[in-house]
């Protein structure tokens, strides 16, 4: 395998330090700030009860330390090779590999999306590892969305594809990530999209705009291309942040006609945003 990019890997490792001065047993939680360390790479690539030796330098003295890996629980890592994503999924010692081709489409409305989505009846129950083994194309990302325990799968994959979208179009000069609010009225956007934006912005220089668009009255979910429904969206959403002169990435779960994204884009532009690019995780036909 080529060099691994540990962009969104997560893991915790029960370890024991062994040296002449100290014996310490505990758990190391690995987050995005330490994913490229030699220790993390070693723990991923080696079995439990193996020993990792490394040298630490404090002042003028060098100390050799051995770490015994007692137990590991790694969620996911992937690497980017020619626009493909290679998953390696670890849980309780079970490893699976799956090569999944990254896709991106552009609608006439300038909305980027990942997959076509047919209907919820295609949803197939199964663990996240089964989804990886059988391939994401068999289970489009939208099919993973539900409130019955599979929403974790949906969040898991869409973070990865959103990062790929940012990288593919080099959106480093964009400032804010916003999301289309749910159809129900709420003082806060606290759904899966908002949580995903929280996580992305915690680990990047983007501003968290998950609360910049707030639905102040409920509207019916409707699949239509009518200008009237676009206006219904615009009448029910208010700006809750300063977007003047900002370049914004606007995301939604699923787009059909694009009316929700177009309405929110207009609201942001009317509030002074300099540019808005739209991204949906799937498109229904």
C-alpha atoms as a PDB file:
ATOM      1  CA  UNK A   1       0.000   0.000   0.000  1.00  0.00           C
ATOM      2  CA  UNK A   2       1.091   3.567  -0.611  1.00  0.00           C
ATOM      3  CA  UNK A   3       1.458   6.251   2.031  1.00  0.00           C
ATOM      4  CA  UNK A   4      -1.650   6.343   4.172  1.00  0.00           C
ATOM      5  CA  UNK A   5      -3.554   9.565   4.723  1.00  0.00           C
ATOM      6  CA  UNK A   6      -5.149   9.278   8.165  1.00  0.00           C
ATOM      7  CA  UNK A   7      -7.599  12.119   7.609  1.00  0.00           C
ATOM      8  CA  UNK A   8     -10.525  10.853   9.636  1.00  0.00           C
ATOM      9  CA  UNK A   9      -9.245   7.825  11.498  1.00  0.00           C
ATOM     10  CA  UNK A  10     -10.218   7.470  15.106  1.00  0.00           C
ATOM     11  CA  UNK A  11      -8.985   5.019  17.687  1.00  0.00           C
ATOM     12  CA  UNK A  12      -8.219   4.233  21.279  1.00  0.00           C
ATOM     13  CA  UNK A  13      -5.389   1.983  22.393  1.00  0.00           C
ATOM     14  CA  UNK A  14      -4.823   0.290  25.708  1.00  0.00           C
ATOM     15  CA  UNK A  15      -1.059   0.295  26.166  1.00  0.00           C
ATOM     16  CA  UNK A  16       1.710  -0.286  28.694  1.00  0.00           C
ATOM     17  CA  UNK A  17       4.914   1.756  28.822  1.00  0.00           C
ATOM     18  CA  UNK A  18       7.926  -0.374  29.699  1.00  0.00           C
ATOM     19  CA  UNK A  19      11.274   1.192  30.592  1.00  0.00           C
ATOM     20  CA  UNK A  20      13.709   1.207  33.484  1.00  0.00           C
ATOM     21  CA  UNK A  21      12.234   4.322  35.034  1.00  0.00           C
ATOM     22  CA  UNK A  22       8.503   3.841  34.667  1.00  0.00           C
ATOM     23  CA  UNK A  23       5.763   1.309  34.115  1.00  0.00           C
ATOM     24  CA  UNK A  24       2.482   2.872  33.060  1.00  0.00           C
ATOM     25  CA  UNK A  25      -0.674   1.151  31.914  1.00  0.00           C
ATOM     26  CA  UNK A  26      -3.550   3.138  30.484  1.00  0.00           C
ATOM     27  CA  UNK A  27      -5.438   4.171  27.369  1.00  0.00           C
ATOM     28  CA  UNK A  28      -4.305   6.514  24.622  1.00  0.00           C
ATOM     29  CA  UNK A  29      -7.103   8.181  22.669  1.00  0.00           C
ATOM     30  CA  UNK A  30      -5.931   9.143  19.208  1.00  0.00           C
ATOM     31  CA  UNK A  31      -7.564  12.139  17.531  1.00  0.00           C
ATOM     32  CA  UNK A  32      -6.965  14.033  14.304  1.00  0.00           C
ATOM     33  CA  UNK A  33      -4.048  16.001  15.750  1.00  0.00           C
ATOM     34  CA  UNK A  34      -1.867  12.921  16.159  1.00  0.00           C
ATOM     35  CA  UNK A  35      -2.919  10.650  13.322  1.00  0.00           C
ATOM     36  CA  UNK A  36       0.355  10.799  11.386  1.00  0.00           C
ATOM     37  CA  UNK A  37       2.613   9.737  14.227  1.00  0.00           C
ATOM     38  CA  UNK A  38       4.778   6.645  13.883  1.00  0.00           C
ATOM     39  CA  UNK A  39       3.113   5.177  16.945  1.00  0.00           C
ATOM     40  CA  UNK A  40      -0.353   5.300  15.431  1.00  0.00           C
ATOM     41  CA  UNK A  41       0.842   3.781  12.155  1.00  0.00           C
ATOM     42  CA  UNK A  42       2.560   1.006  14.056  1.00  0.00           C
ATOM     43  CA  UNK A  43      -0.474   0.227  16.199  1.00  0.00           C
ATOM     44  CA  UNK A  44      -2.703   0.024  13.131  1.00  0.00           C
ATOM     45  CA  UNK A  45      -0.348  -2.217  11.185  1.00  0.00           C
ATOM     46  CA  UNK A  46       0.629  -4.625  13.967  1.00  0.00           C
ATOM     47  CA  UNK A  47      -1.109  -7.152  16.156  1.00  0.00           C
ATOM     48  CA  UNK A  48      -2.119  -6.802  19.759  1.00  0.00           C
ATOM     49  CA  UNK A  49       0.558  -7.750  22.308  1.00  0.00           C
ATOM     50  CA  UNK A  50       3.308  -6.477  20.000  1.00  0.00           C
ATOM     51  CA  UNK A  51       5.879  -3.952  21.183  1.00  0.00           C
ATOM     52  CA  UNK A  52       6.667  -0.581  19.628  1.00  0.00           C
ATOM     53  CA  UNK A  53      10.086   0.882  20.487  1.00  0.00           C
ATOM     54  CA  UNK A  54      10.899   4.527  20.027  1.00  0.00           C
ATOM     55  CA  UNK A  55      13.264   7.177  21.347  1.00  0.00           C
ATOM     56  CA  UNK A  56      12.265  10.359  23.126  1.00  0.00           C
ATOM     57  CA  UNK A  57      14.626  13.278  23.584  1.00  0.00           C
ATOM     58  CA  UNK A  58      14.314  15.498  26.653  1.00  0.00           C
ATOM     59  CA  UNK A  59      16.977  18.195  26.816  1.00  0.00           C
ATOM     60  CA  UNK A  60      20.332  16.582  26.049  1.00  0.00           C
ATOM     61  CA  UNK A  61      19.299  13.083  27.107  1.00  0.00           C
ATOM     62  CA  UNK A  62      17.712  10.408  24.917  1.00  0.00           C
ATOM     63  CA  UNK A  63      15.396   7.822  26.430  1.00  0.00           C
ATOM     64  CA  UNK A  64      14.297   4.586  24.747  1.00  0.00           C
ATOM     65  CA  UNK A  65      10.733   3.554  25.511  1.00  0.00           C
ATOM     66  CA  UNK A  66       8.900   0.347  24.653  1.00  0.00           C
ATOM     67  CA  UNK A  67       5.117   0.361  24.347  1.00  0.00           C
ATOM     68  CA  UNK A  68       3.218  -2.909  24.650  1.00  0.00           C
ATOM     69  CA  UNK A  69      -0.073  -2.823  22.770  1.00  0.00           C
ATOM     70  CA  UNK A  70      -2.610  -4.592  24.967  1.00  0.00           C
ATOM     71  CA  UNK A  71      -5.791  -3.796  23.095  1.00  0.00           C
ATOM     72  CA  UNK A  72      -6.797  -1.665  20.131  1.00  0.00           C
ATOM     73  CA  UNK A  73     -10.056  -0.322  18.783  1.00  0.00           C
ATOM     74  CA  UNK A  74      -9.638   1.546  15.513  1.00  0.00           C
ATOM     75  CA  UNK A  75     -12.573   2.925  13.611  1.00  0.00           C
ATOM     76  CA  UNK A  76     -11.366   3.697  10.107  1.00  0.00           C
ATOM     77  CA  UNK A  77      -8.577   4.967   7.960  1.00  0.00           C
ATOM     78  CA  UNK A  78      -8.244   5.462   4.241  1.00  0.00           C
ATOM     79  CA  UNK A  79      -5.794   6.543   1.589  1.00  0.00           C
ATOM     80  CA  UNK A  80      -6.227   8.517  -1.592  1.00  0.00           C
ATOM     81  CA  UNK A  81      -4.839   6.960  -4.773  1.00  0.00           C
ATOM     82  CA  UNK A  82      -5.973   8.293  -8.156  1.00  0.00           C
ATOM     83  CA  UNK A  83      -9.312   9.542  -6.825  1.00  0.00           C
ATOM     84  CA  UNK A  84     -10.070   6.226  -5.133  1.00  0.00           C
ATOM     85  CA  UNK A  85     -10.565   5.591  -1.447  1.00  0.00           C
ATOM     86  CA  UNK A  86      -9.135   2.511   0.230  1.00  0.00           C
ATOM     87  CA  UNK A  87     -10.857   1.619   3.472  1.00  0.00           C
ATOM     88  CA  UNK A  88      -9.361  -0.491   6.192  1.00  0.00           C
ATOM     89  CA  UNK A  89     -11.844  -1.100   8.948  1.00  0.00           C
ATOM     90  CA  UNK A  90     -10.711  -2.481  12.297  1.00  0.00           C
ATOM     91  CA  UNK A  91     -12.908  -3.625  15.119  1.00  0.00           C
ATOM     92  CA  UNK A  92     -12.061  -6.281  17.710  1.00  0.00           C
ATOM     93  CA  UNK A  93      -9.297  -7.626  15.508  1.00  0.00           C
ATOM     94  CA  UNK A  94     -11.385  -8.002  12.338  1.00  0.00           C
ATOM     95  CA  UNK A  95      -9.894  -6.281   9.284  1.00  0.00           C
ATOM     96  CA  UNK A  96     -11.626  -5.698   5.961  1.00  0.00           C
ATOM     97  CA  UNK A  97     -10.448  -3.891   2.852  1.00  0.00           C
ATOM     98  CA  UNK A  98     -12.639  -2.312   0.215  1.00  0.00           C
ATOM     99  CA  UNK A  99     -11.746  -0.188  -2.776  1.00  0.00           C
ATOM    100  CA  UNK A 100     -14.538   2.289  -3.545  1.00  0.00           C
ATOM    101  CA  UNK A 101     -14.448   4.603  -6.545  1.00  0.00           C
ATOM    102  CA  UNK A 102     -15.123   8.237  -5.748  1.00  0.00           C
ATOM    103  CA  UNK A 103     -17.746   9.884  -7.946  1.00  0.00           C
ATOM    104  CA  UNK A 104     -18.918  13.424  -8.398  1.00  0.00           C
ATOM    105  CA  UNK A 105     -21.642  14.844 -10.609  1.00  0.00           C
ATOM    106  CA  UNK A 106     -22.762  18.344 -11.437  1.00  0.00           C
ATOM    107  CA  UNK A 107     -26.414  19.198 -12.108  1.00  0.00           C
ATOM    108  CA  UNK A 108     -27.519  22.001 -14.442  1.00  0.00           C
ATOM    109  CA  UNK A 109     -28.322  23.990 -11.278  1.00  0.00           C
ATOM    110  CA  UNK A 110     -24.630  23.884 -10.278  1.00  0.00           C
ATOM    111  CA  UNK A 111     -25.278  21.491  -7.414  1.00  0.00           C
ATOM    112  CA  UNK A 112     -22.559  18.924  -6.825  1.00  0.00           C
ATOM    113  CA  UNK A 113     -23.689  15.516  -5.595  1.00  0.00           C
ATOM    114  CA  UNK A 114     -22.305  12.031  -5.056  1.00  0.00           C
ATOM    115  CA  UNK A 115     -24.875   9.355  -5.823  1.00  0.00           C
ATOM    116  CA  UNK A 116     -28.269   8.837  -7.384  1.00  0.00           C
ATOM    117  CA  UNK A 117     -30.825   7.787  -4.795  1.00  0.00           C
ATOM    118  CA  UNK A 118     -33.988   5.902  -5.728  1.00  0.00           C
ATOM    119  CA  UNK A 119     -36.085   5.231  -2.651  1.00  0.00           C
ATOM    120  CA  UNK A 120     -35.907   4.227   0.984  1.00  0.00           C
ATOM    121  CA  UNK A 121     -37.237   0.747   0.155  1.00  0.00           C
ATOM    122  CA  UNK A 122     -33.775  -0.114  -1.185  1.00  0.00           C
ATOM    123  CA  UNK A 123     -32.345   0.235   2.299  1.00  0.00           C
ATOM    124  CA  UNK A 124     -30.532  -2.915   3.350  1.00  0.00           C
ATOM    125  CA  UNK A 125     -30.002  -3.618   7.012  1.00  0.00           C
ATOM    126  CA  UNK A 126     -26.469  -4.417   8.030  1.00  0.00           C
ATOM    127  CA  UNK A 127     -23.448  -3.343   9.964  1.00  0.00           C
ATOM    128  CA  UNK A 128     -21.058  -0.733   8.698  1.00  0.00           C
ATOM    129  CA  UNK A 129     -18.464  -3.427   8.011  1.00  0.00           C
ATOM    130  CA  UNK A 130     -20.965  -5.254   5.785  1.00  0.00           C
ATOM    131  CA  UNK A 131     -21.549  -2.050   3.866  1.00  0.00           C
ATOM    132  CA  UNK A 132     -17.818  -1.708   3.313  1.00  0.00           C
ATOM    133  CA  UNK A 133     -17.387  -5.355   2.308  1.00  0.00           C
ATOM    134  CA  UNK A 134     -20.252  -5.268  -0.189  1.00  0.00           C
ATOM    135  CA  UNK A 135     -19.360  -1.858  -1.580  1.00  0.00           C
ATOM    136  CA  UNK A 136     -20.870   1.553  -1.188  1.00  0.00           C
ATOM    137  CA  UNK A 137     -22.363   1.495  -4.677  1.00  0.00           C
ATOM    138  CA  UNK A 138     -24.658  -1.310  -3.622  1.00  0.00           C
ATOM    139  CA  UNK A 139     -25.764   0.779  -0.653  1.00  0.00           C
ATOM    140  CA  UNK A 140     -25.894   4.412  -1.810  1.00  0.00           C
ATOM    141  CA  UNK A 141     -25.051   6.784   0.979  1.00  0.00           C
ATOM    142  CA  UNK A 142     -28.621   8.064   1.155  1.00  0.00           C
ATOM    143  CA  UNK A 143     -29.891   4.548   1.832  1.00  0.00           C
ATOM    144  CA  UNK A 144     -27.990   4.566   5.117  1.00  0.00           C
ATOM    145  CA  UNK A 145     -29.997   7.517   6.399  1.00  0.00           C
ATOM    146  CA  UNK A 146     -32.646   6.740   8.988  1.00  0.00           C
ATOM    147  CA  UNK A 147     -33.359   7.285  12.645  1.00  0.00           C
ATOM    148  CA  UNK A 148     -33.305   3.580  13.485  1.00  0.00           C
ATOM    149  CA  UNK A 149     -29.635   3.031  14.142  1.00  0.00           C
ATOM    150  CA  UNK A 150     -28.161   3.371  10.660  1.00  0.00           C
ATOM    151  CA  UNK A 151     -27.637   7.108  10.804  1.00  0.00           C
ATOM    152  CA  UNK A 152     -24.149   6.399  12.165  1.00  0.00           C
ATOM    153  CA  UNK A 153     -23.277   4.657   8.907  1.00  0.00           C
ATOM    154  CA  UNK A 154     -24.518   7.647   6.940  1.00  0.00           C
ATOM    155  CA  UNK A 155     -22.434  10.113   8.952  1.00  0.00           C
ATOM    156  CA  UNK A 156     -19.421   7.827   8.680  1.00  0.00           C
ATOM    157  CA  UNK A 157     -19.310   7.784   4.897  1.00  0.00           C
ATOM    158  CA  UNK A 158     -20.481  11.279   4.108  1.00  0.00           C
ATOM    159  CA  UNK A 159     -17.685  12.906   6.108  1.00  0.00           C
ATOM    160  CA  UNK A 160     -15.221  11.122   3.851  1.00  0.00           C
ATOM    161  CA  UNK A 161     -16.907  12.155   0.626  1.00  0.00           C
ATOM    162  CA  UNK A 162     -17.245  15.750   1.765  1.00  0.00           C
ATOM    163  CA  UNK A 163     -13.510  15.885   2.467  1.00  0.00           C
ATOM    164  CA  UNK A 164     -12.926  14.492  -1.014  1.00  0.00           C
ATOM    165  CA  UNK A 165     -15.177  17.193  -2.460  1.00  0.00           C
ATOM    166  CA  UNK A 166     -13.195  19.928  -0.670  1.00  0.00           C
ATOM    167  CA  UNK A 167      -9.930  18.475  -1.929  1.00  0.00           C
ATOM    168  CA  UNK A 168     -11.092  17.840  -5.491  1.00  0.00           C
ATOM    169  CA  UNK A 169     -12.226  21.429  -6.042  1.00  0.00           C
ATOM    170  CA  UNK A 170      -9.525  23.039  -3.888  1.00  0.00           C
ATOM    171  CA  UNK A 171     -11.983  25.074  -1.800  1.00  0.00           C
ATOM    172  CA  UNK A 172      -9.324  26.420   0.548  1.00  0.00           C
ATOM    173  CA  UNK A 173     -10.387  30.030  -0.022  1.00  0.00           C
ATOM    174  CA  UNK A 174     -13.954  29.379   1.147  1.00  0.00           C
ATOM    175  CA  UNK A 175     -14.728  30.619   4.659  1.00  0.00           C
ATOM    176  CA  UNK A 176     -17.931  29.076   5.983  1.00  0.00           C
ATOM    177  CA  UNK A 177     -19.744  25.714   5.805  1.00  0.00           C
ATOM    178  CA  UNK A 178     -23.551  26.040   6.077  1.00  0.00           C
ATOM    179  CA  UNK A 179     -26.397  23.540   5.733  1.00  0.00           C
ATOM    180  CA  UNK A 180     -29.992  23.596   4.562  1.00  0.00           C
ATOM    181  CA  UNK A 181     -32.176  23.512   7.703  1.00  0.00           C
ATOM    182  CA  UNK A 182     -34.715  20.730   8.225  1.00  0.00           C
ATOM    183  CA  UNK A 183     -38.327  21.310   7.164  1.00  0.00           C
ATOM    184  CA  UNK A 184     -39.448  21.553  10.785  1.00  0.00           C
ATOM    185  CA  UNK A 185     -39.071  24.848  12.615  1.00  0.00           C
ATOM    186  CA  UNK A 186     -36.304  24.962  15.217  1.00  0.00           C
ATOM    187  CA  UNK A 187     -34.280  27.554  17.100  1.00  0.00           C
ATOM    188  CA  UNK A 188     -31.175  25.459  16.355  1.00  0.00           C
ATOM    189  CA  UNK A 189     -30.024  23.127  13.625  1.00  0.00           C
ATOM    190  CA  UNK A 190     -29.013  20.061  15.622  1.00  0.00           C
ATOM    191  CA  UNK A 191     -29.485  17.315  13.050  1.00  0.00           C
ATOM    192  CA  UNK A 192     -26.846  15.103  11.411  1.00  0.00           C
ATOM    193  CA  UNK A 193     -25.737  17.782   8.933  1.00  0.00           C
ATOM    194  CA  UNK A 194     -25.099  20.287  11.707  1.00  0.00           C
ATOM    195  CA  UNK A 195     -23.159  17.692  13.706  1.00  0.00           C
ATOM    196  CA  UNK A 196     -21.059  16.874  10.664  1.00  0.00           C
ATOM    197  CA  UNK A 197     -20.274  20.566  10.129  1.00  0.00           C
ATOM    198  CA  UNK A 198     -19.303  20.851  13.811  1.00  0.00           C
ATOM    199  CA  UNK A 199     -16.776  18.051  13.373  1.00  0.00           C
ATOM    200  CA  UNK A 200     -15.374  19.334  10.071  1.00  0.00           C
ATOM    201  CA  UNK A 201     -14.881  22.860  11.383  1.00  0.00           C
ATOM    202  CA  UNK A 202     -13.331  21.627  14.629  1.00  0.00           C
ATOM    203  CA  UNK A 203     -10.596  20.026  12.512  1.00  0.00           C
ATOM    204  CA  UNK A 204     -10.114  22.748   9.892  1.00  0.00           C
ATOM    205  CA  UNK A 205      -9.997  26.503   9.374  1.00  0.00           C
ATOM    206  CA  UNK A 206     -13.597  26.674   8.108  1.00  0.00           C
ATOM    207  CA  UNK A 207     -16.117  28.666  10.139  1.00  0.00           C
ATOM    208  CA  UNK A 208     -18.988  26.583  11.540  1.00  0.00           C
ATOM    209  CA  UNK A 209     -22.074  27.971   9.813  1.00  0.00           C
ATOM    210  CA  UNK A 210     -24.455  25.198  10.891  1.00  0.00           C
ATOM    211  CA  UNK A 211     -26.582  27.789  12.719  1.00  0.00           C
ATOM    212  CA  UNK A 212     -26.407  30.526  10.052  1.00  0.00           C
ATOM    213  CA  UNK A 213     -29.651  29.398   8.390  1.00  0.00           C
ATOM    214  CA  UNK A 214     -32.573  28.834  10.774  1.00  0.00           C
ATOM    215  CA  UNK A 215     -36.062  27.605   9.870  1.00  0.00           C
ATOM    216  CA  UNK A 216     -38.532  29.866  11.705  1.00  0.00           C
ATOM    217  CA  UNK A 217     -41.682  28.077  10.557  1.00  0.00           C
ATOM    218  CA  UNK A 218     -42.303  24.533   9.332  1.00  0.00           C
ATOM    219  CA  UNK A 219     -42.958  23.725   5.688  1.00  0.00           C
ATOM    220  CA  UNK A 220     -44.093  20.473   4.056  1.00  0.00           C
ATOM    221  CA  UNK A 221     -41.458  18.279   2.453  1.00  0.00           C
ATOM    222  CA  UNK A 222     -42.155  18.609  -1.257  1.00  0.00           C
ATOM    223  CA  UNK A 223     -40.392  17.410  -4.385  1.00  0.00           C
ATOM    224  CA  UNK A 224     -41.021  20.150  -6.892  1.00  0.00           C
ATOM    225  CA  UNK A 225     -39.178  22.458  -9.209  1.00  0.00           C
ATOM    226  CA  UNK A 226     -41.702  25.248  -8.875  1.00  0.00           C
ATOM    227  CA  UNK A 227     -40.542  28.768  -8.183  1.00  0.00           C
ATOM    228  CA  UNK A 228     -43.404  28.954  -5.701  1.00  0.00           C
ATOM    229  CA  UNK A 229     -41.861  26.299  -3.459  1.00  0.00           C
ATOM    230  CA  UNK A 230     -38.520  28.079  -3.655  1.00  0.00           C
ATOM    231  CA  UNK A 231     -40.269  31.178  -2.336  1.00  0.00           C
ATOM    232  CA  UNK A 232     -41.849  29.093   0.449  1.00  0.00           C
ATOM    233  CA  UNK A 233     -38.348  28.108   1.528  1.00  0.00           C
ATOM    234  CA  UNK A 234     -37.153  31.696   1.422  1.00  0.00           C
ATOM    235  CA  UNK A 235     -40.094  32.908   3.512  1.00  0.00           C
ATOM    236  CA  UNK A 236     -39.455  30.299   6.222  1.00  0.00           C
ATOM    237  CA  UNK A 237     -35.683  30.711   6.688  1.00  0.00           C
ATOM    238  CA  UNK A 238     -33.815  33.549   8.352  1.00  0.00           C
ATOM    239  CA  UNK A 239     -30.125  34.468   8.461  1.00  0.00           C
ATOM    240  CA  UNK A 240     -28.509  33.996  11.856  1.00  0.00           C
ATOM    241  CA  UNK A 241     -24.915  35.119  11.225  1.00  0.00           C
ATOM    242  CA  UNK A 242     -22.667  37.537   9.382  1.00  0.00           C
ATOM    243  CA  UNK A 243     -21.955  36.345   5.836  1.00  0.00           C
ATOM    244  CA  UNK A 244     -21.005  39.642   4.190  1.00  0.00           C
ATOM    245  CA  UNK A 245     -18.122  39.151   1.786  1.00  0.00           C
ATOM    246  CA  UNK A 246     -17.818  35.462   2.713  1.00  0.00           C
ATOM    247  CA  UNK A 247     -17.439  32.489   0.375  1.00  0.00           C
ATOM    248  CA  UNK A 248     -19.753  29.733   1.551  1.00  0.00           C
ATOM    249  CA  UNK A 249     -20.070  25.968   1.026  1.00  0.00           C
ATOM    250  CA  UNK A 250     -23.760  25.042   1.343  1.00  0.00           C
ATOM    251  CA  UNK A 251     -24.635  21.369   1.923  1.00  0.00           C
ATOM    252  CA  UNK A 252     -27.798  19.269   1.991  1.00  0.00           C
ATOM    253  CA  UNK A 253     -28.596  15.581   2.490  1.00  0.00           C
ATOM    254  CA  UNK A 254     -30.496  14.801  -0.697  1.00  0.00           C
ATOM    255  CA  UNK A 255     -31.450  17.018  -3.621  1.00  0.00           C
ATOM    256  CA  UNK A 256     -34.293  16.355  -6.056  1.00  0.00           C
ATOM    257  CA  UNK A 257     -35.005  19.572  -7.917  1.00  0.00           C
ATOM    258  CA  UNK A 258     -32.521  21.654  -5.976  1.00  0.00           C
ATOM    259  CA  UNK A 259     -35.188  24.082  -4.722  1.00  0.00           C
ATOM    260  CA  UNK A 260     -33.983  23.961  -1.098  1.00  0.00           C
ATOM    261  CA  UNK A 261     -30.365  24.606  -2.054  1.00  0.00           C
ATOM    262  CA  UNK A 262     -31.280  27.338  -4.548  1.00  0.00           C
ATOM    263  CA  UNK A 263     -33.468  29.103  -1.992  1.00  0.00           C
ATOM    264  CA  UNK A 264     -30.780  28.995   0.698  1.00  0.00           C
ATOM    265  CA  UNK A 265     -28.166  30.138  -1.806  1.00  0.00           C
ATOM    266  CA  UNK A 266     -30.305  33.180  -2.677  1.00  0.00           C
ATOM    267  CA  UNK A 267     -30.808  33.979   1.009  1.00  0.00           C
ATOM    268  CA  UNK A 268     -27.058  33.896   1.619  1.00  0.00           C
ATOM    269  CA  UNK A 269     -26.270  35.986  -1.473  1.00  0.00           C
ATOM    270  CA  UNK A 270     -28.971  38.510  -0.552  1.00  0.00           C
ATOM    271  CA  UNK A 271     -27.344  38.778   2.888  1.00  0.00           C
ATOM    272  CA  UNK A 272     -24.043  39.745   1.283  1.00  0.00           C
ATOM    273  CA  UNK A 273     -22.189  36.469   0.675  1.00  0.00           C
ATOM    274  CA  UNK A 274     -19.754  36.861  -2.220  1.00  0.00           C
ATOM    275  CA  UNK A 275     -20.040  33.266  -3.449  1.00  0.00           C
ATOM    276  CA  UNK A 276     -22.013  30.114  -2.593  1.00  0.00           C
ATOM    277  CA  UNK A 277     -21.202  26.612  -3.869  1.00  0.00           C
ATOM    278  CA  UNK A 278     -23.829  23.884  -3.340  1.00  0.00           C
ATOM    279  CA  UNK A 279     -23.146  20.252  -2.449  1.00  0.00           C
ATOM    280  CA  UNK A 280     -25.586  17.387  -1.791  1.00  0.00           C
ATOM    281  CA  UNK A 281     -24.684  13.879  -0.684  1.00  0.00           C
ATOM    282  CA  UNK A 282     -27.076  12.270  -3.144  1.00  0.00           C
ATOM    283  CA  UNK A 283     -29.667  13.073  -5.779  1.00  0.00           C
ATOM    284  CA  UNK A 284     -33.078  11.451  -6.030  1.00  0.00           C
ATOM    285  CA  UNK A 285     -34.565  10.879  -9.447  1.00  0.00           C
END
